[in-house]
Amino acid sequence: MESREIIKEYISMAFGSLCVAVAVNFFMVPGNLVFGSASGLSLVLTQIIPIKMSMMNLSINIFFLLM
């Protein structure tokens, strides 16, 4: 791969991650909307377990990574 293509892919991944983070923090959490994936599961679990959603999401993602 050409270095410009690699840089373009990294920028695209960073932008996609930013879009997901904005959607979670501005729509899912304030509205108590539950979607699938680790974000939805962490939103449900933070209602039961008093821990920050970011730490819960990180823990769930690490668990899924190790599975």
Protein backbone atom coordinates (compact mmCIF):
# COMPACT_ATOMS: atom_id res chain seq x y z
CA MET A 1 0.00 0.00 0.00
CA GLU A 2 1.04 3.51 -0.67
CA SER A 3 1.69 5.73 2.35
CA ARG A 4 -1.04 8.20 1.28
CA GLU A 5 -3.60 5.37 1.24
CA ILE A 6 -2.53 4.25 4.71
CA ILE A 7 -2.84 7.78 6.07
CA LYS A 8 -6.27 8.11 4.44
CA GLU A 9 -7.40 4.87 6.09
CA TYR A 10 -6.21 6.01 9.53
CA ILE A 11 -8.00 9.34 9.14
CA SER A 12 -11.17 7.51 8.09
CA MET A 13 -10.99 5.21 11.12
CA ALA A 14 -10.38 8.15 13.47
CA PHE A 15 -13.34 10.03 12.00
CA GLY A 16 -15.58 6.97 12.34
CA SER A 17 -14.55 6.53 15.96
CA LEU A 18 -15.27 10.20 16.61
CA CYS A 19 -18.76 9.83 15.10
CA VAL A 20 -19.51 6.84 17.33
CA ALA A 21 -18.24 8.66 20.43
CA VAL A 22 -20.40 11.71 19.67
CA ALA A 23 -23.46 9.54 19.08
CA VAL A 24 -22.97 7.67 22.34
CA ASN A 25 -22.32 10.75 24.47
CA PHE A 26 -24.93 13.07 22.99
CA PHE A 27 -27.78 10.71 22.11
CA MET A 28 -27.54 7.32 23.81
CA VAL A 29 -26.49 8.31 27.32
CA PRO A 30 -28.76 11.34 27.88
CA GLY A 31 -31.77 9.65 26.30
CA ASN A 32 -31.13 6.27 27.97
CA LEU A 33 -31.30 4.66 24.55
CA VAL A 34 -29.92 1.17 24.38
CA PHE A 35 -28.46 -0.13 21.15
CA GLY A 36 -26.55 -3.32 20.55
CA SER A 37 -22.83 -3.81 21.01
CA ALA A 38 -20.61 -3.03 23.95
CA SER A 39 -21.92 0.53 24.26
CA GLY A 40 -25.49 -0.63 24.80
CA LEU A 41 -24.43 -3.30 27.26
CA SER A 42 -22.30 -0.84 29.21
CA LEU A 43 -25.21 1.64 29.34
CA VAL A 44 -27.44 -1.04 30.87
CA LEU A 45 -24.80 -2.19 33.33
CA THR A 46 -24.00 1.35 34.53
CA GLN A 47 -27.61 1.59 35.69
CA ILE A 48 -26.96 -1.43 37.94
CA ILE A 49 -23.28 -1.01 38.87
CA PRO A 50 -22.11 2.46 39.98
CA ILE A 51 -19.15 2.91 37.61
CA LYS A 52 -18.42 5.41 34.83
CA MET A 53 -19.74 4.38 31.44
CA SER A 54 -16.34 4.85 29.83
CA MET A 55 -14.70 2.42 32.25
CA MET A 56 -17.52 -0.08 31.81
CA ASN A 57 -17.24 0.17 28.03
CA LEU A 58 -13.48 -0.33 28.20
CA SER A 59 -13.89 -3.37 30.45
CA ILE A 60 -16.47 -4.96 28.17
CA ASN A 61 -14.36 -4.34 25.08
CA ILE A 62 -11.30 -5.87 26.73
CA PHE A 63 -13.41 -8.87 27.76
CA PHE A 64 -14.68 -9.31 24.18
CA LEU A 65 -11.15 -8.94 22.84
CA LEU A 66 -9.86 -11.70 25.11
CA MET A 67 -12.69 -14.09 24.28
